[in-house]
Amino acid sequence: MYADTVTSSNLFNDLWGFGSGTTGGLNGTVYCVESTADDGSPGTLRYGIESLSGDTWIVFDPEHFPPATKTTIALSSRLDLDRGNLTIDGRGSYVSLRRIVPSGVCGGGDEVILNRGFENIILTHLDFARTYPFDSTKEDCGDLVTIYNEDPEETHFDNIWINQSDFYDCGDDCVSMAFFSASTRADVTISRNQFLGVNSANEKALMLGIEPYDSDKLYKLAVRAREWASRSITASPCAA
C-alpha cells in the first residue's frame, strides 16, 4: 500500500510562509500506524515516534483509521519528539490524538506532543485533544503541543510546519513556542488549523514566549487559521 520512502508529496503544494523550507521526513522511511494502542509496540504511533531513528514519514492505515470516522489514540503519556526530520501525516484518515490526563498532572507533563529543540518537523491533518478526570474548564493546565529549546544556547528548533489540524480542550495553550535560540532564528508556518474551545475555556490558542532574547533573533512565523478558539480568553496569537 505504501512505498518504502517518500520522495515527493503534493502536501507541499499547501506549504507557504517562513516555514516553506520544511521537509519533515521527506526521502525517509515510511512508517504506517496500524493500531490505536499506546503501548509502544510495533504498529503503534508511539513506536514510530519514540523507537525508530532516522528520517521518518508516519502515515495511518485507513483500514484502522477510516477517513469518515474519527478514531482516537488515547495517549497515557505525552509523545516526545526527540529527533527531527519527521512527518506525522493524517491525510486519508481521521485521527484524534487525545491525551488522557491523570489526577495531579495538570499543569506539567500533560502535553500531547513535546518538541525539545529539534528541527524540520511536520504535523498535518490531525486532531489534538485532552481528557481530564476533573473539571475540564481548568485554565492552568498545560499545552497540547509544546515546542521549545531545552537549552537555548545549544539547541534550536527550526523549520516547523503545523497544518490543517484541529485543537480541542487545550487547557492553557493549544500551541506554545518558547525559549527560542539565542543565536538562530526559527522559521515556522502554522497554517489552516482550527483552535476550538469545545468543553474548555482555552486561555491562549497560540502562545509565543519571546523572553529573554532580542526579538530580531527569535523567529519568523507565518500564521493562517481557519478558526480561532471560540472560548479563548486571551487574544491570539499572544506573545509574552
C-alpha atoms as a PDB file:
ATOM      1  CA  MET A   1       0.000   0.000   0.000  1.00  0.00           C
ATOM      2  CA  TYR A   2       2.825   2.379   0.849  1.00  0.00           C
ATOM      3  CA  ALA A   3       6.213   2.950  -0.721  1.00  0.00           C
ATOM      4  CA  ASP A   4       9.317   2.328   1.352  1.00  0.00           C
ATOM      5  CA  THR A   5      10.245   6.005   1.154  1.00  0.00           C
ATOM      6  CA  VAL A   6       8.518   9.303   0.365  1.00  0.00           C
ATOM      7  CA  THR A   7      10.436  11.130  -2.352  1.00  0.00           C
ATOM      8  CA  SER A   8       7.712  13.675  -3.159  1.00  0.00           C
ATOM      9  CA  SER A   9       4.297  14.701  -1.860  1.00  0.00           C
ATOM     10  CA  ASN A  10       1.515  17.010  -3.006  1.00  0.00           C
ATOM     11  CA  LEU A  11       1.248  18.059   0.635  1.00  0.00           C
ATOM     12  CA  PHE A  12       3.940  20.625  -0.110  1.00  0.00           C
ATOM     13  CA  ASN A  13       1.581  22.417  -2.510  1.00  0.00           C
ATOM     14  CA  ASP A  14      -0.003  23.851   0.660  1.00  0.00           C
ATOM     15  CA  LEU A  15       3.256  24.967   2.282  1.00  0.00           C
ATOM     16  CA  TRP A  16       3.896  28.702   2.322  1.00  0.00           C
ATOM     17  CA  GLY A  17       5.362  31.350   4.556  1.00  0.00           C
ATOM     18  CA  PHE A  18       8.529  31.373   6.607  1.00  0.00           C
ATOM     19  CA  GLY A  19       8.467  27.627   7.216  1.00  0.00           C
ATOM     20  CA  SER A  20       8.489  26.858   3.491  1.00  0.00           C
ATOM     21  CA  GLY A  21      11.873  25.156   3.800  1.00  0.00           C
ATOM     22  CA  THR A  22      10.397  22.442   5.985  1.00  0.00           C
ATOM     23  CA  THR A  23      10.632  18.935   4.504  1.00  0.00           C
ATOM     24  CA  GLY A  24       9.921  16.743   7.540  1.00  0.00           C
ATOM     25  CA  GLY A  25      10.539  13.084   6.781  1.00  0.00           C
ATOM     26  CA  LEU A  26      10.861  13.571   3.015  1.00  0.00           C
ATOM     27  CA  ASN A  27      13.209  10.956   1.495  1.00  0.00           C
ATOM     28  CA  GLY A  28      12.966   8.988   4.705  1.00  0.00           C
ATOM     29  CA  THR A  29      11.347   5.708   5.693  1.00  0.00           C
ATOM     30  CA  VAL A  30       7.560   5.382   5.639  1.00  0.00           C
ATOM     31  CA  TYR A  31       6.068   4.004   8.843  1.00  0.00           C
ATOM     32  CA  CYS A  32       2.388   3.006   8.868  1.00  0.00           C
ATOM     33  CA  VAL A  33       0.388   3.147  12.102  1.00  0.00           C
ATOM     34  CA  GLU A  34      -1.953   0.147  12.241  1.00  0.00           C
ATOM     35  CA  SER A  35      -3.078   0.183  15.868  1.00  0.00           C
ATOM     36  CA  THR A  36      -4.819   2.548  18.275  1.00  0.00           C
ATOM     37  CA  ALA A  37      -2.852   1.070  21.165  1.00  0.00           C
ATOM     38  CA  ASP A  38      -0.392   3.235  23.086  1.00  0.00           C
ATOM     39  CA  ASP A  39       1.920   0.563  24.462  1.00  0.00           C
ATOM     40  CA  GLY A  40       4.887   1.368  22.211  1.00  0.00           C
ATOM     41  CA  SER A  41       4.732  -1.912  20.316  1.00  0.00           C
ATOM     42  CA  PRO A  42       5.396  -2.092  16.542  1.00  0.00           C
ATOM     43  CA  GLY A  43       2.426  -0.739  14.617  1.00  0.00           C
ATOM     44  CA  THR A  44       1.625   1.959  17.182  1.00  0.00           C
ATOM     45  CA  LEU A  45       2.199   5.663  16.781  1.00  0.00           C
ATOM     46  CA  ARG A  46       4.370   5.749  19.894  1.00  0.00           C
ATOM     47  CA  TYR A  47       6.687   3.144  18.387  1.00  0.00           C
ATOM     48  CA  GLY A  48       7.106   5.189  15.203  1.00  0.00           C
ATOM     49  CA  ILE A  49       7.933   8.343  17.140  1.00  0.00           C
ATOM     50  CA  GLU A  50       9.963   7.098  20.074  1.00  0.00           C
ATOM     51  CA  SER A  51      11.596   3.838  18.879  1.00  0.00           C
ATOM     52  CA  LEU A  52      12.551   4.496  15.258  1.00  0.00           C
ATOM     53  CA  SER A  53      15.522   6.590  14.192  1.00  0.00           C
ATOM     54  CA  GLY A  54      16.405   8.477  11.031  1.00  0.00           C
ATOM     55  CA  ASP A  55      14.155  10.472   8.717  1.00  0.00           C
ATOM     56  CA  THR A  56      10.585   9.156   9.027  1.00  0.00           C
ATOM     57  CA  TRP A  57       7.241   9.868   7.370  1.00  0.00           C
ATOM     58  CA  ILE A  58       4.439   8.489   9.547  1.00  0.00           C
ATOM     59  CA  VAL A  59       1.053   7.666   7.970  1.00  0.00           C
ATOM     60  CA  PHE A  60      -2.086   5.915   9.241  1.00  0.00           C
ATOM     61  CA  ASP A  61      -3.676   2.791   7.769  1.00  0.00           C
ATOM     62  CA  PRO A  62      -7.194   3.807   6.600  1.00  0.00           C
ATOM     63  CA  GLU A  63      -8.491   0.335   7.408  1.00  0.00           C
ATOM     64  CA  HIS A  64      -7.824   1.067  11.074  1.00  0.00           C
ATOM     65  CA  PHE A  65      -8.313   4.846  10.817  1.00  0.00           C
ATOM     66  CA  PRO A  66     -11.132   5.330   8.258  1.00  0.00           C
ATOM     67  CA  PRO A  67     -11.492   8.845   6.861  1.00  0.00           C
ATOM     68  CA  ALA A  68     -15.225   9.036   7.608  1.00  0.00           C
ATOM     69  CA  THR A  69     -14.969   8.046  11.277  1.00  0.00           C
ATOM     70  CA  LYS A  70     -12.878   9.729  13.955  1.00  0.00           C
ATOM     71  CA  THR A  71     -10.574   7.163  15.508  1.00  0.00           C
ATOM     72  CA  THR A  72      -8.866   8.069  18.750  1.00  0.00           C
ATOM     73  CA  ILE A  73      -5.454   7.113  20.025  1.00  0.00           C
ATOM     74  CA  ALA A  74      -5.722   7.542  23.793  1.00  0.00           C
ATOM     75  CA  LEU A  75      -2.297   8.642  24.999  1.00  0.00           C
ATOM     76  CA  SER A  76      -1.382   7.708  28.555  1.00  0.00           C
ATOM     77  CA  SER A  77       1.663   9.981  28.391  1.00  0.00           C
ATOM     78  CA  ARG A  78       2.914  12.666  26.034  1.00  0.00           C
ATOM     79  CA  LEU A  79       4.697  11.893  22.776  1.00  0.00           C
ATOM     80  CA  ASP A  80       8.277  13.196  22.912  1.00  0.00           C
ATOM     81  CA  LEU A  81       9.683  14.273  19.550  1.00  0.00           C
ATOM     82  CA  ASP A  82      13.328  13.674  20.397  1.00  0.00           C
ATOM     83  CA  ARG A  83      14.565  13.851  16.811  1.00  0.00           C
ATOM     84  CA  GLY A  84      13.972  15.950  13.741  1.00  0.00           C
ATOM     85  CA  ASN A  85      13.247  15.204  10.063  1.00  0.00           C
ATOM     86  CA  LEU A  86       9.846  13.786  10.978  1.00  0.00           C
ATOM     87  CA  THR A  87       6.353  13.988   9.466  1.00  0.00           C
ATOM     88  CA  ILE A  88       3.151  12.838  11.160  1.00  0.00           C
ATOM     89  CA  ASP A  89       0.641  12.803   8.313  1.00  0.00           C
ATOM     90  CA  GLY A  90      -3.046  12.134   8.994  1.00  0.00           C
ATOM     91  CA  ARG A  91      -4.253  12.672   5.439  1.00  0.00           C
ATOM     92  CA  GLY A  92      -6.631   9.987   4.215  1.00  0.00           C
ATOM     93  CA  SER A  93      -7.592   9.120   7.788  1.00  0.00           C
ATOM     94  CA  TYR A  94      -9.433  10.746  10.693  1.00  0.00           C
ATOM     95  CA  VAL A  95      -7.033  10.550  13.618  1.00  0.00           C
ATOM     96  CA  SER A  96      -7.517  12.057  17.050  1.00  0.00           C
ATOM     97  CA  LEU A  97      -4.568  12.177  19.442  1.00  0.00           C
ATOM     98  CA  ARG A  98      -6.179  12.549  22.856  1.00  0.00           C
ATOM     99  CA  ARG A  99      -4.096  12.857  25.993  1.00  0.00           C
ATOM    100  CA  ILE A 100      -5.671  11.143  28.989  1.00  0.00           C
ATOM    101  CA  VAL A 101      -4.540  13.254  31.931  1.00  0.00           C
ATOM    102  CA  PRO A 102      -4.259  11.500  35.313  1.00  0.00           C
ATOM    103  CA  SER A 103      -5.098  13.301  38.516  1.00  0.00           C
ATOM    104  CA  GLY A 104      -2.383  15.633  39.752  1.00  0.00           C
ATOM    105  CA  VAL A 105      -0.600  16.001  36.391  1.00  0.00           C
ATOM    106  CA  CYS A 106      -2.440  19.075  35.145  1.00  0.00           C
ATOM    107  CA  GLY A 107      -0.049  21.972  34.703  1.00  0.00           C
ATOM    108  CA  GLY A 108       3.057  19.968  33.815  1.00  0.00           C
ATOM    109  CA  GLY A 109       3.708  16.929  31.644  1.00  0.00           C
ATOM    110  CA  ASP A 110       0.192  16.799  30.256  1.00  0.00           C
ATOM    111  CA  GLU A 111       1.031  17.723  26.658  1.00  0.00           C
ATOM    112  CA  VAL A 112       0.025  15.642  23.649  1.00  0.00           C
ATOM    113  CA  ILE A 113       3.311  16.377  21.845  1.00  0.00           C
ATOM    114  CA  LEU A 114       6.548  17.893  23.141  1.00  0.00           C
ATOM    115  CA  ASN A 115       9.449  19.003  20.934  1.00  0.00           C
ATOM    116  CA  ARG A 116      12.591  19.976  22.865  1.00  0.00           C
ATOM    117  CA  GLY A 117      14.560  21.839  20.231  1.00  0.00           C
ATOM    118  CA  PHE A 118      14.546  19.561  17.198  1.00  0.00           C
ATOM    119  CA  GLU A 119      14.331  20.743  13.602  1.00  0.00           C
ATOM    120  CA  ASN A 120      12.332  20.005  10.475  1.00  0.00           C
ATOM    121  CA  ILE A 121       9.019  18.627  11.746  1.00  0.00           C
ATOM    122  CA  ILE A 122       5.608  18.478  10.058  1.00  0.00           C
ATOM    123  CA  LEU A 123       2.326  17.826  11.890  1.00  0.00           C
ATOM    124  CA  THR A 124      -0.581  17.714   9.459  1.00  0.00           C
ATOM    125  CA  HIS A 125      -4.259  16.693   9.288  1.00  0.00           C
ATOM    126  CA  LEU A 126      -4.566  15.626  12.925  1.00  0.00           C
ATOM    127  CA  ASP A 127      -6.905  16.224  15.852  1.00  0.00           C
ATOM    128  CA  PHE A 128      -5.319  17.175  19.177  1.00  0.00           C
ATOM    129  CA  ALA A 129      -7.321  16.992  22.389  1.00  0.00           C
ATOM    130  CA  ARG A 130      -7.139  16.276  26.097  1.00  0.00           C
ATOM    131  CA  THR A 131      -9.427  14.469  28.545  1.00  0.00           C
ATOM    132  CA  TYR A 132      -9.412  15.435  32.217  1.00  0.00           C
ATOM    133  CA  PRO A 133     -10.576  13.344  35.185  1.00  0.00           C
ATOM    134  CA  PHE A 134     -11.825  16.569  36.805  1.00  0.00           C
ATOM    135  CA  ASP A 135     -13.289  19.954  35.884  1.00  0.00           C
ATOM    136  CA  SER A 136     -12.446  20.365  32.190  1.00  0.00           C
ATOM    137  CA  THR A 137     -12.725  24.145  32.362  1.00  0.00           C
ATOM    138  CA  LYS A 138      -9.458  24.473  34.279  1.00  0.00           C
ATOM    139  CA  GLU A 139      -7.342  27.137  32.597  1.00  0.00           C
ATOM    140  CA  ASP A 140      -3.975  26.426  34.236  1.00  0.00           C
ATOM    141  CA  CYS A 141      -3.361  23.083  32.574  1.00  0.00           C
ATOM    142  CA  GLY A 142      -0.513  22.793  30.098  1.00  0.00           C
ATOM    143  CA  ASP A 143      -0.441  22.938  26.312  1.00  0.00           C
ATOM    144  CA  LEU A 144      -1.476  20.464  23.657  1.00  0.00           C
ATOM    145  CA  VAL A 145       1.649  20.998  21.545  1.00  0.00           C
ATOM    146  CA  THR A 146       4.733  22.476  23.191  1.00  0.00           C
ATOM    147  CA  ILE A 147       7.822  23.475  21.204  1.00  0.00           C
ATOM    148  CA  TYR A 148      10.809  24.905  22.997  1.00  0.00           C
ATOM    149  CA  ASN A 149      14.588  24.797  23.251  1.00  0.00           C
ATOM    150  CA  GLU A 150      15.658  22.879  26.326  1.00  0.00           C
ATOM    151  CA  ASP A 151      18.985  24.723  26.173  1.00  0.00           C
ATOM    152  CA  PRO A 152      18.634  27.913  24.074  1.00  0.00           C
ATOM    153  CA  GLU A 153      22.421  28.277  23.981  1.00  0.00           C
ATOM    154  CA  GLU A 154      22.953  24.825  22.439  1.00  0.00           C
ATOM    155  CA  THR A 155      19.770  23.752  20.626  1.00  0.00           C
ATOM    156  CA  HIS A 156      17.295  25.432  18.327  1.00  0.00           C
ATOM    157  CA  PHE A 157      14.072  24.292  16.763  1.00  0.00           C
ATOM    158  CA  ASP A 158      13.599  25.412  13.183  1.00  0.00           C
ATOM    159  CA  ASN A 159      11.525  24.598  10.096  1.00  0.00           C
ATOM    160  CA  ILE A 160       8.312  23.641  11.870  1.00  0.00           C
ATOM    161  CA  TRP A 161       5.022  23.262   9.977  1.00  0.00           C
ATOM    162  CA  ILE A 162       1.702  22.627  11.737  1.00  0.00           C
ATOM    163  CA  ASN A 163      -1.024  22.272   9.123  1.00  0.00           C
ATOM    164  CA  GLN A 164      -4.786  21.664   8.788  1.00  0.00           C
ATOM    165  CA  SER A 165      -5.228  20.272  12.290  1.00  0.00           C
ATOM    166  CA  ASP A 166      -7.914  20.808  14.932  1.00  0.00           C
ATOM    167  CA  PHE A 167      -7.197  21.621  18.579  1.00  0.00           C
ATOM    168  CA  TYR A 168      -9.774  20.961  21.306  1.00  0.00           C
ATOM    169  CA  ASP A 169      -9.836  21.269  25.109  1.00  0.00           C
ATOM    170  CA  CYS A 170      -6.467  22.972  25.104  1.00  0.00           C
ATOM    171  CA  GLY A 171      -6.310  23.980  28.769  1.00  0.00           C
ATOM    172  CA  ASP A 172      -3.681  26.736  28.717  1.00  0.00           C
ATOM    173  CA  ASP A 173      -2.343  26.940  25.144  1.00  0.00           C
ATOM    174  CA  CYS A 174      -3.220  24.955  22.043  1.00  0.00           C
ATOM    175  CA  VAL A 175       0.274  25.536  20.635  1.00  0.00           C
ATOM    176  CA  SER A 176       3.104  27.047  22.660  1.00  0.00           C
ATOM    177  CA  MET A 177       6.544  28.056  21.398  1.00  0.00           C
ATOM    178  CA  ALA A 178       9.098  29.343  23.890  1.00  0.00           C
ATOM    179  CA  PHE A 179      12.781  29.629  24.869  1.00  0.00           C
ATOM    180  CA  PHE A 180      13.933  30.488  21.377  1.00  0.00           C
ATOM    181  CA  SER A 181      17.555  30.058  20.375  1.00  0.00           C
ATOM    182  CA  ALA A 182      19.999  32.758  21.430  1.00  0.00           C
ATOM    183  CA  SER A 183      21.688  32.750  18.020  1.00  0.00           C
ATOM    184  CA  THR A 184      19.477  31.130  15.365  1.00  0.00           C
ATOM    185  CA  ARG A 185      16.115  32.414  14.188  1.00  0.00           C
ATOM    186  CA  ALA A 186      13.360  29.799  13.835  1.00  0.00           C
ATOM    187  CA  ASP A 187      11.226  29.592  10.681  1.00  0.00           C
ATOM    188  CA  VAL A 188       7.694  28.392  11.410  1.00  0.00           C
ATOM    189  CA  THR A 189       4.430  28.082   9.480  1.00  0.00           C
ATOM    190  CA  ILE A 190       1.131  27.384  11.250  1.00  0.00           C
ATOM    191  CA  SER A 191      -1.486  27.105   8.525  1.00  0.00           C
ATOM    192  CA  ARG A 192      -5.219  26.435   8.225  1.00  0.00           C
ATOM    193  CA  ASN A 193      -5.739  24.997  11.697  1.00  0.00           C
ATOM    194  CA  GLN A 194      -8.810  25.275  13.915  1.00  0.00           C
ATOM    195  CA  PHE A 195      -8.328  26.281  17.538  1.00  0.00           C
ATOM    196  CA  LEU A 196     -11.576  25.341  19.234  1.00  0.00           C
ATOM    197  CA  GLY A 197     -12.827  25.807  22.767  1.00  0.00           C
ATOM    198  CA  VAL A 198     -15.265  22.927  22.926  1.00  0.00           C
ATOM    199  CA  ASN A 199     -15.872  21.975  26.596  1.00  0.00           C
ATOM    200  CA  SER A 200     -12.883  24.036  27.629  1.00  0.00           C
ATOM    201  CA  ALA A 201     -12.021  27.657  28.341  1.00  0.00           C
ATOM    202  CA  ASN A 202      -8.861  27.954  26.259  1.00  0.00           C
ATOM    203  CA  GLU A 203      -6.704  30.730  27.631  1.00  0.00           C
ATOM    204  CA  LYS A 204      -4.496  31.120  24.553  1.00  0.00           C
ATOM    205  CA  ALA A 205      -4.812  29.393  21.203  1.00  0.00           C
ATOM    206  CA  LEU A 206      -1.262  30.256  20.137  1.00  0.00           C
ATOM    207  CA  MET A 207       1.358  31.381  22.648  1.00  0.00           C
ATOM    208  CA  LEU A 208       4.739  32.826  21.686  1.00  0.00           C
ATOM    209  CA  GLY A 209       7.096  33.136  24.643  1.00  0.00           C
ATOM    210  CA  ILE A 210       9.740  35.586  23.451  1.00  0.00           C
ATOM    211  CA  GLU A 211      11.844  36.117  26.572  1.00  0.00           C
ATOM    212  CA  PRO A 212      14.726  36.578  27.176  1.00  0.00           C
ATOM    213  CA  TYR A 213      16.380  37.226  23.811  1.00  0.00           C
ATOM    214  CA  ASP A 214      16.277  40.088  21.321  1.00  0.00           C
ATOM    215  CA  SER A 215      13.246  39.794  19.083  1.00  0.00           C
ATOM    216  CA  ASP A 216      15.189  40.045  15.815  1.00  0.00           C
ATOM    217  CA  LYS A 217      16.819  36.668  16.548  1.00  0.00           C
ATOM    218  CA  LEU A 218      13.805  34.716  17.734  1.00  0.00           C
ATOM    219  CA  TYR A 219      11.517  33.526  14.980  1.00  0.00           C
ATOM    220  CA  LYS A 220       9.754  34.225  11.738  1.00  0.00           C
ATOM    221  CA  LEU A 221       6.201  32.968  11.998  1.00  0.00           C
ATOM    222  CA  ALA A 222       3.531  32.763   9.319  1.00  0.00           C
ATOM    223  CA  VAL A 223       0.017  32.099  10.614  1.00  0.00           C
ATOM    224  CA  ARG A 224      -3.212  31.430   8.744  1.00  0.00           C
ATOM    225  CA  ALA A 225      -6.041  29.998  10.855  1.00  0.00           C
ATOM    226  CA  ARG A 226      -9.368  28.502   9.798  1.00  0.00           C
ATOM    227  CA  GLU A 227     -10.909  29.412  13.158  1.00  0.00           C
ATOM    228  CA  TRP A 228      -9.610  30.847  16.419  1.00  0.00           C
ATOM    229  CA  ALA A 229     -10.749  29.439  19.748  1.00  0.00           C
ATOM    230  CA  SER A 230     -14.441  30.005  20.273  1.00  0.00           C
ATOM    231  CA  ARG A 231     -13.912  30.459  24.023  1.00  0.00           C
ATOM    232  CA  SER A 232     -10.395  31.853  24.043  1.00  0.00           C
ATOM    233  CA  ILE A 233      -9.745  34.193  26.976  1.00  0.00           C
ATOM    234  CA  THR A 234      -6.655  35.937  25.591  1.00  0.00           C
ATOM    235  CA  ALA A 235      -6.153  37.446  22.140  1.00  0.00           C
ATOM    236  CA  SER A 236      -4.386  35.121  19.708  1.00  0.00           C
ATOM    237  CA  PRO A 237      -1.624  34.913  18.763  1.00  0.00           C
ATOM    238  CA  CYS A 238      -0.311  36.016  22.159  1.00  0.00           C
ATOM    239  CA  ALA A 239       3.327  36.980  22.823  1.00  0.00           C
ATOM    240  CA  ALA A 240       4.772  37.259  26.303  1.00  0.00           C
END
